[in-house]
Amino acid sequence: MPDDASRHSRYDGAPFGREQSHADALQVTWFSIEMFDAKGKRTYHNSFVTDLPVTVGNVAELAACGRARWKIENETFNVLKCGGYNLEHNFGHGKDTLASVLVVLNLLAFANHTVASLAVPAWRTALAAKGATYRFFEHLRTITTYVVFQNWAHLLHAIAEADIRPP
C-alpha cells in the first residue's frame, strides 16, 4: 500500500437537528476517513459532519481541518478546566441566564489572560516563575488578599521574584 493511502466513505443529505420532519432539518454530509501506512496498518480513523461538499479531491483536507479544529477546542477546554478557570463546574444552578453569564465571564477572563501572555512580558515572567498556570492564579489570589500593591507591574514582579515589599 502506498504511504498516503486512504479510504473514505460518506453519506450525503443526512438530516441534522431536532426538527420533526427531515424536510425542515439542515442537510449535511457525514464522512469517515481512514489513513494507512505503507504496510497497510491503519494509522488514523475519524468521522466528521459538514455542510461543505465532500469529494475524493478534498476529503483529506476537510479531515485535516476537522482534526485541527478538534485540537484547538480540546486544548482550549483543557486550559479552561485545568488552568484555574474551574469551567468544569456545573454553572446550571440559578435563574434563567446565570449559567450563560458565568461562562461568558470565564471566557472573557481566559481571553484577557491570553492577551496578557502575548503582550505583557512581566505577566509571562510571573507565569513562568510559578510553573503551572493554576499555581500562578493561586499565588495571585493569596498575595492580593494580604498585600496592597502600588500597581500591576509591582504585583507581577512580587510573584515572579517571590519578593514582597511594601510600596
N, C-alpha and C. Protein backbone atom coordinates (compact mmCIF):
# COMPACT_ATOMS: atom_id res chain seq x y z
N MET A 1 0.85 -1.18 0.00
CA MET A 1 0.00 0.00 0.00
C MET A 1 0.89 1.24 0.00
N PRO A 2 0.59 2.28 -0.79
CA PRO A 2 1.42 3.49 -0.81
C PRO A 2 1.36 4.22 0.53
N ASP A 3 2.37 5.12 0.76
CA ASP A 3 2.49 5.86 2.02
C ASP A 3 1.25 6.69 2.34
N ASP A 4 0.60 7.20 1.33
CA ASP A 4 -0.51 8.14 1.57
C ASP A 4 -1.88 7.52 1.27
N ALA A 5 -1.98 6.20 1.45
CA ALA A 5 -3.23 5.53 1.14
C ALA A 5 -4.30 5.93 2.14
N SER A 6 -5.49 6.15 1.61
CA SER A 6 -6.60 6.48 2.50
C SER A 6 -7.88 5.92 1.89
N ARG A 7 -8.87 5.79 2.75
CA ARG A 7 -10.17 5.30 2.32
C ARG A 7 -11.21 6.17 3.02
N HIS A 8 -12.20 6.58 2.27
CA HIS A 8 -13.25 7.36 2.90
C HIS A 8 -14.61 6.88 2.44
N SER A 9 -15.59 7.15 3.28
CA SER A 9 -16.97 6.89 2.90
C SER A 9 -17.79 8.09 3.32
N ARG A 10 -18.92 8.26 2.69
CA ARG A 10 -19.74 9.43 3.02
C ARG A 10 -21.20 9.13 2.81
N TYR A 11 -21.99 9.96 3.48
CA TYR A 11 -23.44 9.90 3.33
C TYR A 11 -23.92 11.33 3.15
N ASP A 12 -24.40 11.65 1.97
CA ASP A 12 -24.89 13.00 1.66
C ASP A 12 -26.36 13.12 2.02
N GLY A 13 -26.75 14.31 2.46
CA GLY A 13 -28.15 14.59 2.72
C GLY A 13 -28.66 14.06 4.04
N ALA A 14 -27.77 13.89 4.99
CA ALA A 14 -28.21 13.43 6.32
C ALA A 14 -28.92 14.58 7.03
N PRO A 15 -30.10 14.34 7.61
CA PRO A 15 -30.80 15.41 8.32
C PRO A 15 -30.10 15.70 9.65
N PHE A 16 -29.89 16.97 9.94
CA PHE A 16 -29.20 17.37 11.16
C PHE A 16 -30.08 18.32 11.95
N GLY A 17 -30.37 18.01 13.17
CA GLY A 17 -31.20 18.88 14.00
C GLY A 17 -32.34 18.11 14.63
N ARG A 18 -33.15 18.82 15.39
CA ARG A 18 -34.25 18.21 16.12
C ARG A 18 -35.60 18.47 15.46
N GLU A 19 -35.61 18.90 14.23
CA GLU A 19 -36.86 19.20 13.55
C GLU A 19 -37.69 17.93 13.41
N GLN A 20 -38.99 18.11 13.42
CA GLN A 20 -39.90 16.97 13.33
C GLN A 20 -39.81 16.27 11.98
N SER A 21 -39.64 17.05 10.93
CA SER A 21 -39.57 16.42 9.61
C SER A 21 -38.18 16.60 9.03
N HIS A 22 -37.78 15.63 8.24
CA HIS A 22 -36.47 15.69 7.59
C HIS A 22 -36.39 16.86 6.61
N ALA A 23 -37.53 17.26 6.08
CA ALA A 23 -37.55 18.37 5.11
C ALA A 23 -37.11 19.68 5.77
N ASP A 24 -37.41 19.87 7.06
CA ASP A 24 -37.05 21.10 7.76
C ASP A 24 -35.63 21.08 8.31
N ALA A 25 -35.01 19.92 8.40
CA ALA A 25 -33.68 19.79 9.01
C ALA A 25 -32.60 20.27 8.05
N LEU A 26 -31.51 20.75 8.61
CA LEU A 26 -30.32 21.10 7.83
C LEU A 26 -29.77 19.82 7.21
N GLN A 27 -29.49 19.86 5.93
CA GLN A 27 -28.94 18.70 5.24
C GLN A 27 -27.41 18.77 5.28
N VAL A 28 -26.78 17.74 5.80
CA VAL A 28 -25.32 17.73 5.94
C VAL A 28 -24.74 16.47 5.30
N THR A 29 -23.43 16.45 5.22
CA THR A 29 -22.72 15.27 4.73
C THR A 29 -21.92 14.70 5.89
N TRP A 30 -22.12 13.43 6.18
CA TRP A 30 -21.30 12.71 7.15
C TRP A 30 -20.23 12.01 6.35
N PHE A 31 -18.98 12.10 6.80
CA PHE A 31 -17.95 11.33 6.13
C PHE A 31 -16.97 10.77 7.13
N SER A 32 -16.39 9.66 6.74
CA SER A 32 -15.43 8.94 7.54
C SER A 32 -14.16 8.81 6.72
N ILE A 33 -13.01 8.91 7.39
CA ILE A 33 -11.74 8.75 6.67
C ILE A 33 -10.83 7.84 7.47
N GLU A 34 -10.14 6.96 6.76
CA GLU A 34 -9.13 6.09 7.34
C GLU A 34 -7.84 6.32 6.56
N MET A 35 -6.72 6.39 7.27
CA MET A 35 -5.42 6.54 6.62
C MET A 35 -4.55 5.35 7.02
N PHE A 36 -3.73 4.91 6.07
CA PHE A 36 -2.92 3.71 6.26
C PHE A 36 -1.47 4.00 5.96
N ASP A 37 -0.56 3.32 6.69
CA ASP A 37 0.86 3.46 6.40
C ASP A 37 1.25 2.53 5.25
N ALA A 38 2.53 2.49 4.91
CA ALA A 38 3.00 1.70 3.77
C ALA A 38 2.76 0.20 3.95
N LYS A 39 2.67 -0.26 5.20
CA LYS A 39 2.44 -1.68 5.47
C LYS A 39 0.95 -2.03 5.50
N GLY A 40 0.11 -1.04 5.31
CA GLY A 40 -1.32 -1.27 5.31
C GLY A 40 -1.96 -1.16 6.68
N LYS A 41 -1.19 -0.75 7.68
CA LYS A 41 -1.74 -0.60 9.03
C LYS A 41 -2.48 0.73 9.12
N ARG A 42 -3.69 0.68 9.67
CA ARG A 42 -4.48 1.90 9.82
C ARG A 42 -3.83 2.80 10.87
N THR A 43 -3.52 4.04 10.48
CA THR A 43 -2.86 4.99 11.37
C THR A 43 -3.81 6.08 11.86
N TYR A 44 -4.95 6.22 11.21
CA TYR A 44 -5.89 7.26 11.61
C TYR A 44 -7.28 6.88 11.14
N HIS A 45 -8.27 7.18 11.99
CA HIS A 45 -9.67 6.96 11.61
C HIS A 45 -10.52 7.97 12.36
N ASN A 46 -11.43 8.63 11.67
CA ASN A 46 -12.33 9.57 12.31
C ASN A 46 -13.53 9.82 11.41
N SER A 47 -14.56 10.43 11.99
CA SER A 47 -15.77 10.78 11.25
C SER A 47 -16.08 12.25 11.49
N PHE A 48 -16.68 12.89 10.51
CA PHE A 48 -17.00 14.31 10.59
C PHE A 48 -18.36 14.57 9.96
N VAL A 49 -18.95 15.70 10.31
CA VAL A 49 -20.19 16.18 9.70
C VAL A 49 -19.91 17.58 9.18
N THR A 50 -20.35 17.86 7.96
CA THR A 50 -20.12 19.16 7.37
C THR A 50 -21.25 19.52 6.42
N ASP A 51 -21.40 20.82 6.18
CA ASP A 51 -22.35 21.24 5.15
C ASP A 51 -21.60 21.61 3.87
N LEU A 52 -20.28 21.37 3.85
CA LEU A 52 -19.47 21.59 2.65
C LEU A 52 -19.55 20.36 1.75
N PRO A 53 -19.38 20.56 0.44
CA PRO A 53 -19.37 19.39 -0.45
C PRO A 53 -18.11 18.55 -0.20
N VAL A 54 -18.28 17.24 -0.11
CA VAL A 54 -17.16 16.33 0.12
C VAL A 54 -16.90 15.55 -1.16
N THR A 55 -15.65 15.60 -1.61
CA THR A 55 -15.26 14.86 -2.82
C THR A 55 -13.99 14.08 -2.51
N VAL A 56 -13.61 13.21 -3.43
CA VAL A 56 -12.35 12.48 -3.28
C VAL A 56 -11.19 13.46 -3.23
N GLY A 57 -11.29 14.55 -3.95
CA GLY A 57 -10.21 15.54 -4.00
C GLY A 57 -10.05 16.39 -2.74
N ASN A 58 -11.12 16.55 -1.95
CA ASN A 58 -10.98 17.43 -0.79
C ASN A 58 -11.20 16.72 0.55
N VAL A 59 -11.46 15.42 0.55
CA VAL A 59 -11.77 14.73 1.79
C VAL A 59 -10.60 14.76 2.78
N ALA A 60 -9.37 14.62 2.30
CA ALA A 60 -8.21 14.64 3.20
C ALA A 60 -8.04 16.03 3.81
N GLU A 61 -8.25 17.08 3.02
CA GLU A 61 -8.14 18.44 3.53
C GLU A 61 -9.25 18.75 4.55
N LEU A 62 -10.47 18.31 4.28
CA LEU A 62 -11.57 18.50 5.23
C LEU A 62 -11.29 17.77 6.54
N ALA A 63 -10.74 16.55 6.43
CA ALA A 63 -10.40 15.80 7.65
C ALA A 63 -9.29 16.51 8.42
N ALA A 64 -8.30 17.06 7.72
CA ALA A 64 -7.22 17.81 8.39
C ALA A 64 -7.78 19.04 9.10
N CYS A 65 -8.72 19.73 8.46
CA CYS A 65 -9.36 20.89 9.10
C CYS A 65 -10.16 20.46 10.33
N GLY A 66 -10.87 19.36 10.22
CA GLY A 66 -11.63 18.85 11.36
C GLY A 66 -10.73 18.47 12.52
N ARG A 67 -9.60 17.83 12.21
CA ARG A 67 -8.64 17.46 13.26
C ARG A 67 -8.06 18.71 13.92
N ALA A 68 -7.72 19.72 13.12
CA ALA A 68 -7.15 20.95 13.67
C ALA A 68 -8.16 21.66 14.56
N ARG A 69 -9.41 21.70 14.13
CA ARG A 69 -10.45 22.34 14.94
C ARG A 69 -10.64 21.59 16.26
N TRP A 70 -10.66 20.27 16.20
CA TRP A 70 -10.81 19.47 17.40
C TRP A 70 -9.64 19.73 18.35
N LYS A 71 -8.42 19.81 17.80
CA LYS A 71 -7.22 20.03 18.63
C LYS A 71 -7.31 21.38 19.34
N ILE A 72 -7.70 22.41 18.61
CA ILE A 72 -7.83 23.74 19.21
C ILE A 72 -8.88 23.73 20.31
N GLU A 73 -10.04 23.16 20.02
CA GLU A 73 -11.11 23.11 21.02
C GLU A 73 -10.69 22.29 22.23
N ASN A 74 -10.08 21.14 22.00
CA ASN A 74 -9.67 20.28 23.09
C ASN A 74 -8.65 20.97 23.99
N GLU A 75 -7.63 21.61 23.40
CA GLU A 75 -6.61 22.29 24.19
C GLU A 75 -7.20 23.47 24.94
N THR A 76 -8.09 24.23 24.31
CA THR A 76 -8.70 25.38 24.96
C THR A 76 -9.53 24.94 26.15
N PHE A 77 -10.39 23.93 25.97
CA PHE A 77 -11.22 23.49 27.08
C PHE A 77 -10.40 22.82 28.17
N ASN A 78 -9.28 22.18 27.80
CA ASN A 78 -8.40 21.63 28.81
C ASN A 78 -7.82 22.74 29.68
N VAL A 79 -7.42 23.86 29.07
CA VAL A 79 -6.92 25.01 29.83
C VAL A 79 -8.02 25.57 30.72
N LEU A 80 -9.23 25.72 30.17
CA LEU A 80 -10.33 26.27 30.96
C LEU A 80 -10.69 25.35 32.12
N LYS A 81 -10.49 24.05 31.96
CA LYS A 81 -10.82 23.12 33.04
C LYS A 81 -9.69 23.03 34.06
N CYS A 82 -8.45 22.93 33.60
CA CYS A 82 -7.31 22.64 34.49
C CYS A 82 -6.44 23.85 34.79
N GLY A 83 -6.65 24.97 34.13
CA GLY A 83 -5.75 26.11 34.28
C GLY A 83 -6.21 27.15 35.28
N GLY A 84 -7.09 26.78 36.18
CA GLY A 84 -7.51 27.71 37.20
C GLY A 84 -8.83 28.41 36.93
N TYR A 85 -9.45 28.12 35.80
CA TYR A 85 -10.73 28.77 35.46
C TYR A 85 -11.93 27.99 35.99
N ASN A 86 -11.72 26.75 36.42
CA ASN A 86 -12.76 25.92 37.02
C ASN A 86 -14.02 25.82 36.17
N LEU A 87 -13.86 25.73 34.87
CA LEU A 87 -15.02 25.71 33.99
C LEU A 87 -15.74 24.36 34.02
N GLU A 88 -15.14 23.33 34.61
CA GLU A 88 -15.83 22.05 34.68
C GLU A 88 -16.98 22.09 35.66
N HIS A 89 -17.00 23.09 36.52
CA HIS A 89 -18.10 23.22 37.48
C HIS A 89 -19.41 23.41 36.72
N ASN A 90 -20.47 22.82 37.21
CA ASN A 90 -21.77 22.95 36.57
C ASN A 90 -22.38 24.29 36.94
N PHE A 91 -22.40 25.21 35.99
CA PHE A 91 -22.98 26.53 36.22
C PHE A 91 -24.47 26.52 35.93
N GLY A 92 -25.11 25.38 35.98
CA GLY A 92 -26.52 25.29 35.66
C GLY A 92 -27.44 25.69 36.81
N HIS A 93 -26.88 26.06 37.95
CA HIS A 93 -27.70 26.46 39.07
C HIS A 93 -28.12 27.92 38.91
N GLY A 94 -29.30 28.25 39.35
CA GLY A 94 -29.71 29.65 39.32
C GLY A 94 -30.83 29.89 38.34
N LYS A 95 -31.11 31.12 38.12
CA LYS A 95 -32.24 31.54 37.31
C LYS A 95 -31.79 31.81 35.87
N ASP A 96 -32.68 31.57 34.97
CA ASP A 96 -32.60 31.87 33.55
C ASP A 96 -31.19 31.91 32.95
N THR A 97 -30.52 33.06 32.97
CA THR A 97 -29.28 33.21 32.20
C THR A 97 -28.02 33.20 33.04
N LEU A 98 -28.10 32.83 34.31
CA LEU A 98 -26.92 32.84 35.17
C LEU A 98 -25.81 31.97 34.59
N ALA A 99 -26.15 30.79 34.10
CA ALA A 99 -25.14 29.89 33.55
C ALA A 99 -24.41 30.55 32.39
N SER A 100 -25.13 31.19 31.52
CA SER A 100 -24.51 31.86 30.37
C SER A 100 -23.61 33.00 30.81
N VAL A 101 -24.06 33.77 31.77
CA VAL A 101 -23.25 34.90 32.26
C VAL A 101 -21.94 34.40 32.85
N LEU A 102 -22.00 33.35 33.66
CA LEU A 102 -20.79 32.84 34.28
C LEU A 102 -19.82 32.25 33.26
N VAL A 103 -20.35 31.57 32.27
CA VAL A 103 -19.48 31.04 31.21
C VAL A 103 -18.84 32.18 30.43
N VAL A 104 -19.61 33.21 30.10
CA VAL A 104 -19.06 34.36 29.37
C VAL A 104 -17.97 35.05 30.20
N LEU A 105 -18.19 35.20 31.50
CA LEU A 105 -17.16 35.81 32.35
C LEU A 105 -15.88 34.96 32.37
N ASN A 106 -16.04 33.64 32.42
CA ASN A 106 -14.88 32.76 32.35
C ASN A 106 -14.14 32.92 31.03
N LEU A 107 -14.88 32.97 29.94
CA LEU A 107 -14.26 33.11 28.63
C LEU A 107 -13.58 34.47 28.47
N LEU A 108 -14.17 35.52 29.01
CA LEU A 108 -13.53 36.84 28.97
C LEU A 108 -12.24 36.84 29.78
N ALA A 109 -12.25 36.20 30.95
CA ALA A 109 -11.03 36.10 31.74
C ALA A 109 -9.96 35.34 30.97
N PHE A 110 -10.36 34.25 30.33
CA PHE A 110 -9.41 33.46 29.54
C PHE A 110 -8.83 34.30 28.39
N ALA A 111 -9.67 35.05 27.70
CA ALA A 111 -9.20 35.91 26.61
C ALA A 111 -8.24 36.98 27.14
N ASN A 112 -8.59 37.59 28.28
CA ASN A 112 -7.73 38.61 28.87
C ASN A 112 -6.37 38.02 29.25
N HIS A 113 -6.36 36.84 29.82
CA HIS A 113 -5.11 36.21 30.21
C HIS A 113 -4.29 35.79 28.99
N THR A 114 -4.95 35.40 27.93
CA THR A 114 -4.25 35.06 26.70
C THR A 114 -3.57 36.28 26.10
N VAL A 115 -4.27 37.41 26.07
CA VAL A 115 -3.68 38.65 25.56
C VAL A 115 -2.52 39.07 26.44
N ALA A 116 -2.69 38.97 27.76
CA ALA A 116 -1.60 39.34 28.67
C ALA A 116 -0.37 38.45 28.44
N SER A 117 -0.60 37.16 28.18
CA SER A 117 0.52 36.25 27.91
C SER A 117 1.26 36.62 26.64
N LEU A 118 0.54 37.17 25.68
CA LEU A 118 1.17 37.55 24.41
C LEU A 118 1.82 38.93 24.47
N ALA A 119 1.23 39.85 25.25
CA ALA A 119 1.64 41.25 25.14
C ALA A 119 2.34 41.83 26.36
N VAL A 120 2.31 41.15 27.50
CA VAL A 120 2.87 41.74 28.72
C VAL A 120 4.03 40.86 29.20
N PRO A 121 5.28 41.31 28.99
CA PRO A 121 6.44 40.49 29.39
C PRO A 121 6.44 40.16 30.89
N ALA A 122 6.04 41.11 31.76
CA ALA A 122 6.04 40.85 33.20
C ALA A 122 5.05 39.73 33.54
N TRP A 123 3.94 39.66 32.83
CA TRP A 123 2.96 38.58 33.04
C TRP A 123 3.60 37.24 32.70
N ARG A 124 4.27 37.17 31.54
CA ARG A 124 4.92 35.93 31.12
C ARG A 124 5.98 35.49 32.13
N THR A 125 6.75 36.46 32.64
CA THR A 125 7.80 36.15 33.62
C THR A 125 7.20 35.60 34.90
N ALA A 126 6.15 36.24 35.40
CA ALA A 126 5.49 35.79 36.63
C ALA A 126 4.87 34.41 36.43
N LEU A 127 4.26 34.21 35.29
CA LEU A 127 3.63 32.92 34.98
C LEU A 127 4.69 31.82 34.91
N ALA A 128 5.80 32.10 34.24
CA ALA A 128 6.88 31.11 34.12
C ALA A 128 7.50 30.81 35.48
N ALA A 129 7.57 31.79 36.35
CA ALA A 129 8.17 31.59 37.67
C ALA A 129 7.36 30.62 38.53
N LYS A 130 6.08 30.55 38.31
CA LYS A 130 5.23 29.68 39.12
C LYS A 130 4.98 28.34 38.46
N GLY A 131 5.40 28.15 37.23
CA GLY A 131 5.22 26.86 36.56
C GLY A 131 3.84 26.72 35.98
N ALA A 132 3.01 25.96 36.65
CA ALA A 132 1.65 25.71 36.15
C ALA A 132 0.78 26.95 36.29
N THR A 133 -0.11 27.15 35.34
CA THR A 133 -0.99 28.32 35.35
C THR A 133 -1.85 28.37 36.61
N TYR A 134 -2.36 27.22 37.03
CA TYR A 134 -3.21 27.24 38.23
C TYR A 134 -2.43 27.70 39.46
N ARG A 135 -1.12 27.38 39.52
CA ARG A 135 -0.31 27.81 40.64
C ARG A 135 -0.11 29.33 40.62
N PHE A 136 0.05 29.89 39.43
CA PHE A 136 0.15 31.35 39.28
C PHE A 136 -1.11 32.02 39.84
N PHE A 137 -2.28 31.48 39.48
CA PHE A 137 -3.53 32.07 39.95
C PHE A 137 -3.71 31.89 41.46
N GLU A 138 -3.21 30.77 42.00
CA GLU A 138 -3.26 30.60 43.45
C GLU A 138 -2.43 31.68 44.14
N HIS A 139 -1.24 31.94 43.62
CA HIS A 139 -0.38 32.99 44.19
C HIS A 139 -1.05 34.36 44.03
N LEU A 140 -1.64 34.60 42.88
CA LEU A 140 -2.30 35.88 42.63
C LEU A 140 -3.43 36.11 43.65
N ARG A 141 -4.26 35.09 43.87
CA ARG A 141 -5.35 35.21 44.84
C ARG A 141 -4.82 35.42 46.26
N THR A 142 -3.82 34.64 46.64
CA THR A 142 -3.30 34.71 48.01
C THR A 142 -2.60 36.03 48.28
N ILE A 143 -1.73 36.42 47.40
CA ILE A 143 -0.92 37.62 47.64
C ILE A 143 -1.76 38.89 47.65
N THR A 144 -2.81 38.93 46.84
CA THR A 144 -3.65 40.14 46.82
C THR A 144 -4.60 40.18 48.02
N THR A 145 -4.73 39.08 48.73
CA THR A 145 -5.52 39.07 49.96
C THR A 145 -4.79 39.81 51.08
N TYR A 146 -3.45 39.71 51.10
CA TYR A 146 -2.68 40.23 52.22
C TYR A 146 -1.86 41.48 51.93
N VAL A 147 -1.63 41.78 50.68
CA VAL A 147 -0.75 42.90 50.33
C VAL A 147 -1.46 43.82 49.34
N VAL A 148 -1.32 45.14 49.55
CA VAL A 148 -1.82 46.12 48.61
C VAL A 148 -0.63 46.55 47.75
N PHE A 149 -0.80 46.47 46.46
CA PHE A 149 0.30 46.77 45.54
C PHE A 149 0.13 48.14 44.92
N GLN A 150 1.26 48.73 44.61
CA GLN A 150 1.31 50.06 44.01
C GLN A 150 0.69 50.06 42.62
N ASN A 151 1.00 49.02 41.86
CA ASN A 151 0.48 48.90 40.50
C ASN A 151 0.61 47.45 40.04
N TRP A 152 0.15 47.20 38.86
CA TRP A 152 0.16 45.86 38.29
C TRP A 152 1.58 45.33 38.14
N ALA A 153 2.49 46.16 37.67
CA ALA A 153 3.89 45.73 37.49
C ALA A 153 4.51 45.31 38.83
N HIS A 154 4.20 46.05 39.89
CA HIS A 154 4.71 45.72 41.22
C HIS A 154 4.20 44.34 41.66
N LEU A 155 2.93 44.06 41.43
CA LEU A 155 2.33 42.76 41.76
C LEU A 155 3.00 41.64 40.98
N LEU A 156 3.14 41.80 39.69
CA LEU A 156 3.74 40.75 38.85
C LEU A 156 5.19 40.51 39.23
N HIS A 157 5.92 41.57 39.56
CA HIS A 157 7.32 41.43 40.00
C HIS A 157 7.37 40.64 41.31
N ALA A 158 6.47 40.94 42.23
CA ALA A 158 6.44 40.24 43.51
C ALA A 158 6.18 38.75 43.32
N ILE A 159 5.32 38.41 42.40
CA ILE A 159 5.03 37.00 42.14
C ILE A 159 6.23 36.33 41.47
N ALA A 160 6.81 36.98 40.47
CA ALA A 160 7.91 36.40 39.73
C ALA A 160 9.16 36.20 40.59
N GLU A 161 9.44 37.18 41.43
CA GLU A 161 10.69 37.16 42.21
C GLU A 161 10.48 36.64 43.63
N ALA A 162 9.23 36.34 44.01
CA ALA A 162 8.92 35.95 45.39
C ALA A 162 9.51 36.98 46.34
N ASP A 163 9.31 38.24 45.98
CA ASP A 163 9.91 39.36 46.72
C ASP A 163 8.80 40.36 47.01
N ILE A 164 8.21 40.25 48.20
CA ILE A 164 7.10 41.13 48.55
C ILE A 164 7.63 42.27 49.43
N ARG A 165 7.54 43.45 48.90
CA ARG A 165 7.94 44.63 49.66
C ARG A 165 6.82 45.66 49.56
N PRO A 166 6.55 46.35 50.67
CA PRO A 166 5.50 47.36 50.60
C PRO A 166 5.84 48.44 49.59
N PRO A 167 4.82 49.06 49.01
CA PRO A 167 5.07 50.11 48.01
C PRO A 167 5.72 51.33 48.63
